[in-house]
Amino acid sequence: MKGKNVAMLIALCLVLCAVLTVSAQEPAKPLTNADVIKMVESGLPESVVVSSIQASPAKYDISQDGLIVLQVWVAGPRGLDPWTGE
C-alpha cells in the first residue's frame, strides 16, 4: 500500500512538472495599441513602457487612425520617435 502511494505521488509530481513546463513556454501575448495606452495611463515610467514595447511581440494598429490615437494618448507633442527607437 505504501509503495502504491509513493508511485502515485511521483506520477502526480511528473504530471505537474509537465504542465508547468508547457505553460511556461507559451508565447507572450502580443502588445496592442490599447495595452500601450493602458500602461501610459496607469502612470508607468516611460522607460518601463518602452522596454515592454521593445521586449514584447506586437500586434499594433498602424493604420492612420491607430497611429493618431497613439500620438494623442502616448507620444504627445514629442511624436512617436522616442517610442519606436527612431
Foldseek 3Di string as FASTA:
>chain_A
DVVVVVVVVVVVVVVVVVVVVVVVPDADDADELVNLLVCVVVPPDPVVSLVCNVPHHHDYDPDPVRLVVCQVRPVDPVHCCVSVVD
